Protein backbone atom coordinates (compact mmCIF):
# COMPACT_ATOMS: atom_id res chain seq x y z
CA MET A 1 25.92 14.32 26.26
CA ALA A 2 28.15 17.28 27.05
CA LEU A 3 29.25 19.48 29.93
CA LYS A 4 28.57 23.20 29.47
CA PRO A 5 27.93 26.17 31.77
CA SER A 6 24.57 25.65 33.44
CA GLN A 7 21.55 27.77 32.57
CA ILE A 8 20.79 28.17 36.28
CA ASP A 9 21.33 31.76 37.34
CA HIS A 10 23.36 31.15 40.48
CA LYS A 11 27.07 31.52 41.19
CA ASP A 12 27.28 27.92 42.48
CA ALA A 13 25.58 26.36 39.45
CA GLY A 14 28.84 25.62 37.64
CA GLN A 15 28.69 23.10 34.82
CA GLY A 16 25.50 21.44 33.61
CA VAL A 17 24.86 18.27 31.61
CA TYR A 18 23.24 18.78 28.20
CA LEU A 19 21.62 16.21 25.96
CA SER A 20 22.17 16.59 22.23
CA GLY A 21 19.31 15.26 20.16
CA LYS A 22 15.88 14.03 21.19
CA VAL A 23 14.70 11.23 23.50
CA GLY A 24 11.32 10.14 24.80
CA PRO A 25 10.26 9.37 28.39
CA GLY A 26 11.87 6.31 29.97
CA THR A 27 15.16 6.53 28.09
CA VAL A 28 18.47 5.86 29.85
CA VAL A 29 20.46 9.05 29.30
CA SER A 30 23.37 8.75 31.74
CA PHE A 31 25.24 6.53 34.23
CA TYR A 32 26.19 7.56 37.76
CA PRO A 33 29.91 6.67 37.89
CA GLY A 34 32.17 5.93 40.85
CA ILE A 35 32.84 3.54 43.72
CA VAL A 36 29.93 1.50 45.07
CA TYR A 37 29.84 0.94 48.86
CA SER A 38 27.56 -1.47 50.72
CA PRO A 39 26.21 -0.49 54.18
CA SER A 40 28.90 -2.62 55.86
CA GLN A 41 31.56 -0.50 54.12
CA TYR A 42 30.38 3.00 55.02
CA ARG A 43 33.15 3.28 57.62
CA TYR A 44 35.78 3.22 54.86
CA MET A 45 34.36 6.26 53.10
CA ARG A 46 36.10 9.61 53.27
CA GLY A 47 34.92 11.74 56.17
CA TYR A 48 32.98 8.93 57.88
CA PRO A 49 30.55 9.28 59.63
CA ARG A 50 29.69 12.71 58.15
CA MET A 51 30.65 11.93 54.58
CA ASP A 52 28.16 14.43 53.17
CA ILE A 53 30.07 17.37 54.68
CA VAL A 54 33.18 16.77 52.56
CA ASN A 55 31.58 15.17 49.51
CA SER A 56 28.57 16.37 47.53
CA TYR A 57 28.90 13.58 44.95
CA LEU A 58 27.32 10.84 47.07
CA VAL A 59 24.05 9.20 46.09
CA SER A 60 22.24 6.22 47.61
CA ARG A 61 20.05 3.44 46.26
CA TYR A 62 16.92 2.06 47.89
CA ASP A 63 18.90 -1.00 49.07
CA GLY A 64 21.46 1.09 50.99
CA LEU A 65 24.28 1.01 48.43
CA VAL A 66 26.04 4.37 48.14
CA ILE A 67 27.90 5.54 45.04
CA ASP A 68 30.72 8.06 45.35
CA GLY A 69 31.27 9.84 42.03
CA GLN A 70 33.68 12.49 43.25
CA PHE A 71 36.94 11.14 41.90
CA TRP A 72 35.53 9.96 38.59
CA GLY A 73 35.53 13.58 37.52
CA GLN A 74 35.07 14.00 33.79
CA GLY A 75 36.63 10.65 33.04
CA ASP A 76 39.97 10.29 31.28
CA GLU A 77 41.52 9.78 27.87
CA PHE A 78 42.17 6.06 28.19
CA ARG A 79 40.77 2.66 29.04
CA LEU A 80 42.64 1.70 32.21
CA LEU A 81 42.64 -0.22 35.48
CA TRP A 82 40.68 2.09 37.78
CA ASP A 83 40.28 1.57 41.51
CA GLY A 84 38.69 4.87 42.47
CA ARG A 85 41.83 6.93 42.93
CA PRO A 86 41.45 10.65 42.22
CA ARG A 87 42.29 11.93 38.77
CA LYS A 88 43.85 15.27 37.92
CA ASP A 89 40.59 17.09 37.05
CA LEU A 90 39.20 16.82 40.58
CA SER A 91 42.59 17.12 42.22
CA ASP A 92 42.63 20.60 40.74
CA THR A 93 39.49 21.47 42.68
CA LEU A 94 41.28 20.43 45.86
CA GLU A 95 44.21 22.72 44.90
CA ILE A 96 46.78 19.97 45.30
CA ALA A 97 47.57 19.20 41.68
CA SER A 98 50.76 21.28 41.82
CA ILE A 99 52.34 18.88 44.35
CA PRO A 100 54.66 16.66 42.26
CA ASP A 101 54.99 13.78 44.72
CA ARG A 102 51.98 11.44 44.47
CA LYS A 103 52.34 10.11 48.03
CA LYS A 104 52.25 13.66 49.41
CA ARG A 105 49.16 14.41 47.32
CA MET A 106 47.38 11.31 48.62
CA ASP A 107 48.42 12.11 52.19
CA LEU A 108 46.94 15.59 51.80
CA ILE A 109 43.71 14.16 50.42
CA GLY A 110 43.67 11.77 53.37
CA SER A 111 44.10 14.61 55.85
CA LEU A 112 41.22 16.47 54.18
CA PHE A 113 38.83 13.54 54.07
CA GLY A 114 39.77 11.57 57.18
CA ALA A 115 41.35 8.64 55.32
CA LYS A 116 44.29 7.92 53.06
CA ASP A 117 43.92 5.15 50.49
CA THR A 118 41.37 3.22 52.55
CA HIS A 119 38.51 4.45 50.37
CA ILE A 120 39.76 3.00 47.10
CA ALA A 121 38.45 -0.22 45.64
CA ARG A 122 40.75 -3.03 46.74
CA LYS A 123 40.37 -4.73 43.40
CA GLY A 124 40.07 -2.35 40.47
CA SER A 125 38.56 -3.12 37.09
CA ILE A 126 39.46 -2.27 33.52
CA ILE A 127 37.13 0.66 32.84
CA GLU A 128 36.53 2.70 29.70
CA ARG A 129 37.19 6.16 31.14
CA ARG A 130 36.18 7.87 27.89
CA ASN A 131 32.52 7.01 28.54
CA PRO A 132 30.42 9.97 27.28
CA LEU A 133 27.40 8.85 29.31
CA ALA A 134 29.17 8.85 32.71
CA LEU A 135 28.06 12.36 33.65
CA ALA A 136 25.08 11.88 35.97
CA HIS A 137 27.06 13.21 38.96
CA PHE A 138 27.19 16.64 37.28
CA VAL A 139 23.43 16.99 36.71
CA ASN A 140 22.02 20.00 38.57
CA HIS A 141 18.90 20.45 40.68
CA PRO A 142 16.35 22.61 38.79
CA ALA A 143 16.01 26.31 39.49
CA GLU A 144 12.91 27.62 41.24
CA GLY A 145 9.83 27.15 39.07
CA LYS A 146 11.50 24.65 36.73
CA LYS A 147 10.68 20.95 36.69
CA PRO A 148 13.16 18.06 36.64
CA ASN A 149 13.34 16.04 33.43
CA VAL A 150 15.27 12.99 34.67
CA MET A 151 15.08 10.64 37.64
CA LEU A 152 17.46 8.18 39.31
CA CYS A 153 16.78 4.49 38.78
CA PRO A 154 18.72 1.61 40.38
CA PHE A 155 19.97 -0.91 37.86
CA ASP A 156 21.97 -4.11 38.21
CA PHE A 157 24.11 -4.97 35.20
CA VAL A 158 24.74 -8.72 34.95
CA PHE A 159 27.49 -9.66 32.52
CA GLY A 160 28.21 -13.10 31.17
CA ASP A 161 30.43 -11.49 28.55
CA PRO A 162 33.52 -9.88 30.16
CA TYR A 163 34.04 -7.68 27.10
CA MET A 164 31.03 -5.57 28.11
CA ARG A 165 32.32 -4.89 31.64
CA PRO A 166 34.56 -1.86 30.81
CA TYR A 167 31.59 0.20 29.64
CA ILE A 168 29.97 0.41 33.09
CA PRO A 169 31.75 3.23 34.99
CA ASN A 170 31.58 1.70 38.46
CA VAL A 171 33.73 -0.46 40.72
CA HIS A 172 32.58 -2.13 43.92
CA PHE A 173 34.67 -1.14 46.93
CA ASP A 174 35.62 -4.71 47.81
CA HIS A 175 33.90 -7.19 45.54
CA ASN A 176 35.70 -10.27 46.88
CA ASN A 177 35.08 -9.68 50.58
CA ASP A 178 31.74 -7.95 50.29
CA GLN A 179 29.25 -8.98 52.95
CA GLU A 180 25.66 -8.82 51.81
CA MET A 181 23.28 -6.95 54.10
CA ARG A 182 19.51 -6.99 54.31
CA ARG A 183 17.28 -4.17 55.52
CA GLN A 184 14.68 -5.01 58.16
CA GLY A 185 12.75 -1.83 58.86
CA LEU A 186 15.33 0.75 59.93
CA VAL A 187 17.97 -1.86 60.80
CA TRP A 188 20.60 -3.38 58.51
CA THR A 189 21.63 -6.98 59.26
CA TYR A 190 24.25 -9.22 57.67
CA ASP A 191 22.84 -11.70 55.21
CA LYS A 192 24.21 -15.20 54.76
CA LYS A 193 26.63 -15.20 51.87
CA GLU A 194 25.59 -17.46 49.04
CA ASP A 195 27.96 -19.79 47.23
CA LYS A 196 28.40 -18.27 43.79
CA SER A 197 31.40 -20.34 42.76
CA SER A 198 29.49 -21.90 39.87
CA ASP A 199 28.32 -18.54 38.51
CA ASP A 200 30.74 -16.90 36.07
CA SER A 201 28.63 -13.76 35.65
CA VAL A 202 29.61 -10.37 37.05
CA THR A 203 27.01 -8.09 38.65
CA ILE A 204 27.57 -4.34 38.89
CA ARG A 205 24.98 -2.53 41.01
CA THR A 206 24.67 1.09 40.04
CA LEU A 207 22.29 3.93 39.17
CA VAL A 208 21.19 5.33 35.83
CA LEU A 209 19.29 8.46 34.86
CA LEU A 210 15.98 7.97 33.08
CA SER A 211 14.19 10.73 31.19
CA THR A 212 10.79 11.53 32.70
CA THR A 213 9.58 13.57 29.75
CA GLU A 214 10.55 14.28 26.18
CA ILE A 215 13.95 16.00 26.09
CA CYS A 216 15.34 17.78 23.07
CA ASP A 217 18.69 19.61 23.02
CA GLU A 218 18.44 20.86 26.59
CA GLU A 219 20.02 20.71 30.03
CA LEU A 220 19.18 17.82 32.34
CA PHE A 221 17.73 18.51 35.80
CA LEU A 222 17.35 16.07 38.69
CA ASN A 223 15.29 16.60 41.84
CA TYR A 224 17.86 16.24 44.65
CA ARG A 225 15.10 15.79 47.27
CA LEU A 226 17.27 17.14 50.08
CA SER A 227 16.17 16.46 53.63
CA ASN A 228 14.30 19.32 55.27
CA HIS A 229 15.89 18.36 58.58
CA ASN A 230 19.05 20.18 57.47
CA LYS A 231 19.58 23.73 56.32
CA TRP A 232 19.23 23.94 52.56
CA PRO A 233 21.90 25.63 50.41
CA ALA A 234 20.91 28.98 48.91
CA TRP A 235 20.44 27.49 45.44
CA TYR A 236 18.01 24.74 46.53
CA HIS A 237 14.26 25.07 46.04
CA PRO A 238 11.95 22.09 46.68
CA VAL A 239 10.21 20.77 43.59
CA ASP A 240 7.24 19.42 45.57
CA SER A 241 7.00 20.51 49.22
CA GLU A 242 4.18 18.10 50.01
CA GLU A 243 6.15 15.15 48.65
CA ASP A 244 9.16 16.23 50.72
CA LYS A 245 7.04 16.30 53.87
CA ARG A 246 5.80 12.76 53.23
CA ARG A 247 9.35 11.61 52.53
CA TRP A 248 11.10 13.16 55.53
CA TYR A 249 8.48 13.05 58.27
């Protein structure tokens, strides 16, 4: 997997994710990295309640969990304790990397996003930041007339072996105090917390990208399926208009 200039002919296309080699349909090709928020934690996200205005790296699962991949960036050069704080590659995009004082940088980020350090995971994890598969947040929507070749799939990693934990590029916002929620129709309700004191396993709920067709040395494309209730950006073209109507009406 590698980041290269996208083949999409649009000024906003930027970088694209390319697969080197050949895979068949149903292959996991990438992880969606970042902080995982449950519905009860949305209020801690940057820019709440209109998080989507300030952050285009948000993605949701069917169960209401939202992953924020913005400050993962392109990873890092080390294995380290990561709690979701911004790294220098995405700080550059905010034009604040030149500020030497870290507190001032974080205060500026807070003023931009409506929060200071409230969005970080309260208990970080040792994460392998050199993960070459943690690039799903850079995958582009296909250009008009082109089909997507990957799809998002929710996946729960359950680890009995702590040595495997660093290779999953996600941290839960507040694992210790997380309140489980259950969806009943359009309403989210708090679920009774189970006693897991006897269970030594660790569960990381995240998203992966699966190939939907054979892919060979080419750029990955994901159908963003943007809501037609909002104005689409100039680069967006629906892959299947009829499917979108069924989804959003």
